[in-house]
């Protein structure tokens, strides 16, 4: 059990690192091609990357005939729902990165760690006092980070906050379906769905150009193979093995890695006010994961989220 937990924690931490650096790749790619084009190509790359894995492990994943049909329906439903949510979240994020920094994107996207328990209120899961404190700290952190001109928050920052909201729902959907279906197949389907929807938006809103896409091959390969194919699959597999409280904390480290990546690779800098906002957001994210009452881990991840 401990070995499985350690494996899951390692997967989630590595996923957080890959996602953090992916903000830098997305920032570079966004300067070369349109947001929908970028997400369409990288999503298809991510889905195609997983096909060989599915092919070589298909014998291990065979189920009894009576459960095969039901499993297929759950897989298609879960993959489609995850893909639709991923389409909305990733494109909100990519559109915001065109006019903002990787550091801001990382910290504001990580707000899903706080939003998930808030959603639990509507699911009749009573939050603890630490959650309310973390919300107040997070709101003040957002003000310091984003509202640099009075109470005016930039449109890009609003996109990141909406992105965090959609990612929160995405996490809950994964928590529900990941114990029921094969994680790699679920991940593959969600990327193909996301790529398909992004392709439609690409041809409607943008004018894709092959030469521009080829210029962005490095960020596309990184975000396609590593961010999509590897990291999101690690998220699904990792959440099967780790208590969601620990899983959420590990995944929130992407905000730190994005800030470091933006500083080291892109030379981005934050003012003292913005750094204070980032620090408060990170404190709020950690505080939101501290349970008031320690209970036995439930087998259902969706229930554990709000304990």
Protein backbone atom coordinates (compact mmCIF):
# COMPACT_ATOMS: atom_id res chain seq x y z
CA UNK A 1 0.00 0.00 0.00
CA UNK A 2 2.79 2.39 0.94
CA UNK A 3 4.62 1.48 -2.25
CA UNK A 4 1.53 2.29 -4.33
CA UNK A 5 1.08 5.58 -2.47
CA UNK A 6 4.71 6.54 -3.09
CA UNK A 7 4.35 5.68 -6.77
CA UNK A 8 1.20 7.79 -7.02
CA UNK A 9 2.80 10.74 -5.23
CA UNK A 10 5.83 10.55 -7.54
CA UNK A 11 3.53 10.54 -10.59
CA UNK A 12 1.61 13.59 -9.37
CA UNK A 13 4.74 15.54 -8.46
CA UNK A 14 6.30 14.81 -11.85
CA UNK A 15 3.03 15.84 -13.52
CA UNK A 16 3.11 19.13 -11.60
CA UNK A 17 6.68 19.78 -12.77
CA UNK A 18 5.80 19.03 -16.40
CA UNK A 19 2.72 21.27 -16.22
CA UNK A 20 4.70 24.09 -14.62
CA UNK A 21 7.26 24.13 -17.43
CA UNK A 22 4.43 23.67 -19.94
CA UNK A 23 3.22 27.19 -19.13
CA UNK A 24 6.51 28.43 -20.59
CA UNK A 25 6.08 26.27 -23.70
CA UNK A 26 2.50 27.48 -24.08
CA UNK A 27 3.63 31.09 -23.75
CA UNK A 28 6.21 30.59 -26.53
CA UNK A 29 3.80 28.63 -28.73
CA UNK A 30 1.11 31.28 -28.30
CA UNK A 31 3.41 33.85 -29.88
CA UNK A 32 3.75 31.69 -33.01
CA UNK A 33 0.29 30.23 -33.67
CA UNK A 34 -3.33 30.75 -32.59
CA UNK A 35 -4.60 29.38 -29.29
CA UNK A 36 -7.09 26.91 -30.82
CA UNK A 37 -4.50 25.75 -33.37
CA UNK A 38 -1.97 25.17 -30.60
CA UNK A 39 -4.38 23.14 -28.47
CA UNK A 40 -5.73 21.17 -31.44
CA UNK A 41 -2.27 20.02 -32.52
CA UNK A 42 -0.93 19.30 -29.05
CA UNK A 43 -4.08 17.40 -28.03
CA UNK A 44 -3.87 15.12 -31.08
CA UNK A 45 -0.16 14.58 -30.36
CA UNK A 46 -1.03 13.67 -26.77
CA UNK A 47 -3.74 11.22 -27.83
CA UNK A 48 -1.59 9.57 -30.51
CA UNK A 49 1.29 9.23 -28.01
CA UNK A 50 -0.89 7.00 -25.84
CA UNK A 51 -2.12 4.69 -28.62
CA UNK A 52 1.00 2.44 -28.61
CA UNK A 53 0.73 2.09 -24.82
CA UNK A 54 -2.91 1.04 -25.12
CA UNK A 55 -2.05 -1.42 -27.90
CA UNK A 56 0.74 -3.17 -25.98
CA UNK A 57 -1.23 -3.36 -22.72
CA UNK A 58 -4.57 -4.41 -24.21
CA UNK A 59 -4.21 -8.04 -23.05
CA UNK A 60 -3.79 -6.96 -19.42
CA UNK A 61 -6.93 -4.86 -19.54
CA UNK A 62 -9.32 -7.56 -20.77
CA UNK A 63 -12.48 -7.79 -18.68
CA UNK A 64 -15.24 -10.35 -18.34
CA UNK A 65 -17.71 -10.33 -21.27
CA UNK A 66 -20.63 -9.29 -19.07
CA UNK A 67 -18.82 -6.18 -17.82
CA UNK A 68 -17.12 -5.25 -21.09
CA UNK A 69 -20.12 -3.43 -22.56
CA UNK A 70 -20.76 -1.44 -19.41
CA UNK A 71 -17.08 -0.56 -19.12
CA UNK A 72 -17.02 0.68 -22.71
CA UNK A 73 -19.97 2.99 -22.06
CA UNK A 74 -18.34 4.38 -18.91
CA UNK A 75 -15.06 4.86 -20.76
CA UNK A 76 -16.66 6.72 -23.66
CA UNK A 77 -18.82 8.85 -21.37
CA UNK A 78 -15.94 9.70 -19.04
CA UNK A 79 -13.50 10.38 -21.88
CA UNK A 80 -16.00 12.61 -23.70
CA UNK A 81 -16.87 14.61 -20.58
CA UNK A 82 -13.19 15.04 -19.67
CA UNK A 83 -12.37 16.02 -23.26
CA UNK A 84 -15.09 18.68 -23.40
CA UNK A 85 -13.98 20.17 -20.07
CA UNK A 86 -10.34 20.03 -21.14
CA UNK A 87 -11.23 21.83 -24.39
CA UNK A 88 -12.78 24.74 -22.47
CA UNK A 89 -10.12 24.92 -19.75
CA UNK A 90 -7.05 24.61 -22.00
CA UNK A 91 -8.28 27.19 -24.48
CA UNK A 92 -9.20 29.68 -21.75
CA UNK A 93 -5.70 29.20 -20.39
CA UNK A 94 -4.01 29.52 -23.78
CA UNK A 95 -5.98 32.65 -24.68
CA UNK A 96 -4.97 34.20 -21.37
CA UNK A 97 -1.29 33.38 -21.88
CA UNK A 98 -1.24 35.48 -25.06
CA UNK A 99 -1.59 38.61 -22.89
CA UNK A 100 -0.06 37.51 -19.58
CA UNK A 101 2.89 35.70 -18.00
CA UNK A 102 3.55 32.05 -17.23
CA UNK A 103 3.92 32.94 -13.53
CA UNK A 104 0.47 34.48 -13.23
CA UNK A 105 -1.08 31.69 -15.25
CA UNK A 106 0.39 29.04 -12.95
CA UNK A 107 -0.76 30.60 -9.70
CA UNK A 108 -4.25 31.57 -10.88
CA UNK A 109 -4.86 28.17 -12.52
CA UNK A 110 -3.87 26.48 -9.25
CA UNK A 111 -6.92 28.06 -7.63
CA UNK A 112 -8.76 24.85 -8.58
CA UNK A 113 -7.36 23.47 -5.33
CA UNK A 114 -9.59 25.90 -3.43
CA UNK A 115 -12.54 25.82 -5.84
CA UNK A 116 -12.98 22.03 -5.61
CA UNK A 117 -13.91 22.10 -1.89
CA UNK A 118 -16.17 25.13 -2.52
CA UNK A 119 -18.10 23.06 -5.08
CA UNK A 120 -18.45 20.52 -2.30
CA UNK A 121 -20.69 22.97 -0.44
CA UNK A 122 -23.31 22.52 -3.16
CA UNK A 123 -22.85 18.75 -2.87
CA UNK A 124 -23.76 19.00 0.84
CA UNK A 125 -20.18 18.53 1.99
CA UNK A 126 -19.55 20.92 4.88
CA UNK A 127 -16.17 22.72 4.55
CA UNK A 128 -13.96 23.38 7.56
CA UNK A 129 -12.92 26.73 8.98
CA UNK A 130 -9.52 26.43 7.30
CA UNK A 131 -11.21 26.51 3.89
CA UNK A 132 -12.94 29.79 4.63
CA UNK A 133 -9.68 31.28 5.89
CA UNK A 134 -7.85 30.08 2.78
CA UNK A 135 -10.53 31.63 0.55
CA UNK A 136 -10.06 35.03 2.19
CA UNK A 137 -6.28 34.75 1.88
CA UNK A 138 -6.61 33.69 -1.77
CA UNK A 139 -8.90 36.61 -2.60
CA UNK A 140 -6.41 39.06 -1.14
CA UNK A 141 -3.58 37.29 -2.97
CA UNK A 142 -5.49 37.60 -6.26
CA UNK A 143 -5.98 41.29 -5.59
CA UNK A 144 -2.24 41.83 -5.07
CA UNK A 145 -1.31 39.69 -8.07
CA UNK A 146 -3.86 40.89 -10.60
CA UNK A 147 -5.44 44.20 -9.59
CA UNK A 148 -2.36 46.34 -10.19
CA UNK A 149 -4.51 49.34 -11.19
CA UNK A 150 -7.07 49.78 -8.43
CA UNK A 151 -9.77 47.09 -8.60
CA UNK A 152 -9.43 46.56 -12.35
CA UNK A 153 -8.51 42.95 -13.09
CA UNK A 154 -7.05 42.29 -16.53
CA UNK A 155 -9.14 40.20 -18.97
CA UNK A 156 -6.35 37.60 -19.15
CA UNK A 157 -6.51 37.08 -15.38
CA UNK A 158 -10.27 36.58 -15.61
CA UNK A 159 -9.68 33.86 -18.22
CA UNK A 160 -7.26 32.09 -15.86
CA UNK A 161 -9.83 32.17 -13.04
CA UNK A 162 -12.52 30.72 -15.31
CA UNK A 163 -9.97 28.12 -16.41
CA UNK A 164 -9.40 27.15 -12.74
CA UNK A 165 -13.17 26.75 -12.30
CA UNK A 166 -13.45 24.40 -15.29
CA UNK A 167 -10.38 22.43 -14.19
CA UNK A 168 -12.08 21.97 -10.81
CA UNK A 169 -15.00 20.22 -12.49
CA UNK A 170 -12.50 18.24 -14.60
CA UNK A 171 -10.80 16.95 -11.44
CA UNK A 172 -14.14 15.83 -9.98
CA UNK A 173 -15.08 14.01 -13.18
CA UNK A 174 -11.71 12.22 -13.19
CA UNK A 175 -12.19 11.28 -9.54
CA UNK A 176 -15.48 9.64 -10.44
CA UNK A 177 -14.41 7.75 -13.57
CA UNK A 178 -10.75 6.87 -12.88
CA UNK A 179 -11.53 3.95 -10.51
CA UNK A 180 -14.05 2.55 -13.01
CA UNK A 181 -12.08 2.50 -16.28
CA UNK A 182 -8.56 2.16 -17.66
CA UNK A 183 -6.69 5.40 -16.95
CA UNK A 184 -4.58 5.45 -20.12
CA UNK A 185 -7.60 4.84 -22.36
CA UNK A 186 -9.57 7.55 -20.53
CA UNK A 187 -6.70 9.98 -21.03
CA UNK A 188 -6.37 9.12 -24.72
CA UNK A 189 -10.08 9.66 -25.42
CA UNK A 190 -10.15 12.99 -23.62
CA UNK A 191 -7.30 14.31 -25.76
CA UNK A 192 -8.84 13.15 -29.01
CA UNK A 193 -12.13 14.82 -28.03
CA UNK A 194 -10.30 18.00 -27.00
CA UNK A 195 -8.33 17.97 -30.25
CA UNK A 196 -11.47 17.48 -32.33
CA UNK A 197 -13.32 20.37 -30.66
CA UNK A 198 -10.26 22.62 -30.85
CA UNK A 199 -9.95 21.81 -34.57
CA UNK A 200 -13.50 23.00 -35.19
CA UNK A 201 -12.79 26.25 -33.33
CA UNK A 202 -9.46 26.55 -35.16
CA UNK A 203 -11.07 26.58 -38.61
CA UNK A 204 -13.91 28.86 -37.50
CA UNK A 205 -11.90 31.48 -35.60
CA UNK A 206 -8.33 31.20 -36.92
CA UNK A 207 -6.46 30.61 -40.15
CA UNK A 208 -4.07 27.71 -39.51
CA UNK A 209 -0.77 27.90 -41.33
CA UNK A 210 1.53 24.88 -41.72
CA UNK A 211 4.72 26.96 -41.71
CA UNK A 212 3.77 28.64 -38.42
CA UNK A 213 2.86 25.29 -36.88
CA UNK A 214 6.26 23.89 -37.89
CA UNK A 215 7.98 26.87 -36.26
CA UNK A 216 6.25 25.96 -33.00
CA UNK A 217 7.27 22.29 -33.14
CA UNK A 218 9.31 22.36 -29.90
CA UNK A 219 6.56 23.75 -27.61
CA UNK A 220 3.99 21.60 -29.44
CA UNK A 221 5.98 18.41 -28.89
CA UNK A 222 6.65 19.27 -25.24
CA UNK A 223 3.02 20.07 -24.43
CA UNK A 224 1.71 17.25 -26.63
CA UNK A 225 3.93 14.37 -25.56
CA UNK A 226 4.84 15.40 -22.01
CA UNK A 227 2.11 17.76 -20.77
CA UNK A 228 -0.77 15.86 -22.43
CA UNK A 229 0.43 12.31 -23.04
CA UNK A 230 2.48 11.87 -19.86
CA UNK A 231 1.36 14.38 -17.20
CA UNK A 232 -2.42 14.08 -17.58
CA UNK A 233 -2.11 10.30 -17.64
CA UNK A 234 0.02 10.46 -14.48
CA UNK A 235 -2.75 12.56 -12.92
CA UNK A 236 -5.37 9.90 -13.63
CA UNK A 237 -3.15 7.01 -12.50
CA UNK A 238 -1.81 8.95 -9.50
CA UNK A 239 -5.27 9.90 -8.21
CA UNK A 240 -6.09 6.19 -8.00
CA UNK A 241 -3.32 5.66 -5.44
CA UNK A 242 -3.18 8.87 -3.40
CA UNK A 243 -5.54 10.56 -0.96
CA UNK A 244 -6.98 13.58 -2.82
CA UNK A 245 -5.82 15.95 -0.06
CA UNK A 246 -2.21 14.97 -0.76
CA UNK A 247 -2.85 14.72 -4.51
CA UNK A 248 -4.22 18.26 -4.70
CA UNK A 249 -1.27 19.64 -2.75
CA UNK A 250 1.24 17.89 -5.02
CA UNK A 251 -0.52 19.10 -8.20
CA UNK A 252 -0.63 22.67 -6.88
CA UNK A 253 3.18 22.72 -7.05
CA UNK A 254 2.77 23.47 -10.76
CA UNK A 255 2.33 27.13 -9.75
CA UNK A 256 5.81 27.20 -8.22
CA UNK A 257 7.39 25.42 -11.19
CA UNK A 258 5.66 27.81 -13.63
CA UNK A 259 7.06 30.83 -11.78
CA UNK A 260 10.56 29.33 -11.75
CA UNK A 261 10.31 28.37 -15.42
CA UNK A 262 9.09 31.82 -16.42
CA UNK A 263 11.93 33.44 -14.51
CA UNK A 264 14.73 31.12 -15.70
CA UNK A 265 13.67 30.49 -19.31
CA UNK A 266 11.64 33.56 -20.31
CA UNK A 267 13.28 36.11 -18.01
CA UNK A 268 9.89 37.10 -16.56
CA UNK A 269 9.94 39.16 -13.40
CA UNK A 270 7.32 39.96 -10.79
CA UNK A 271 7.02 43.10 -8.70
CA UNK A 272 7.16 42.88 -4.90
CA UNK A 273 3.39 43.34 -4.84
CA UNK A 274 2.87 40.49 -7.34
CA UNK A 275 5.32 38.24 -5.49
CA UNK A 276 3.38 38.90 -2.28
CA UNK A 277 0.20 37.90 -4.09
CA UNK A 278 1.81 34.67 -5.32
CA UNK A 279 3.01 33.87 -1.80
CA UNK A 280 -0.47 34.42 -0.33
CA UNK A 281 -2.04 32.24 -3.04
CA UNK A 282 0.40 29.44 -2.31
CA UNK A 283 -0.29 29.72 1.45
CA UNK A 284 -4.02 29.59 0.74
CA UNK A 285 -3.60 26.54 -1.51
CA UNK A 286 -1.68 24.65 1.20
CA UNK A 287 -4.05 25.75 3.98
CA UNK A 288 -7.07 24.54 2.01
CA UNK A 289 -5.66 21.01 2.11
CA UNK A 290 -5.38 20.78 5.91
CA UNK A 291 -8.28 18.66 7.20
CA UNK A 292 -9.99 19.76 10.40
CA UNK A 293 -10.90 16.20 11.35
CA UNK A 294 -8.69 13.35 10.20
CA UNK A 295 -10.88 10.48 9.02
CA UNK A 296 -10.26 7.16 7.39
CA UNK A 297 -9.65 7.40 3.70
CA UNK A 298 -12.78 6.58 1.74
CA UNK A 299 -12.63 4.37 -1.29
CA UNK A 300 -14.50 6.99 -3.28
CA UNK A 301 -12.23 9.86 -4.25
CA UNK A 302 -15.10 12.22 -4.83
CA UNK A 303 -16.12 11.88 -1.18
CA UNK A 304 -12.59 12.34 0.12
CA UNK A 305 -12.23 15.68 -1.59
CA UNK A 306 -14.40 17.41 0.94
CA UNK A 307 -13.64 15.55 4.21
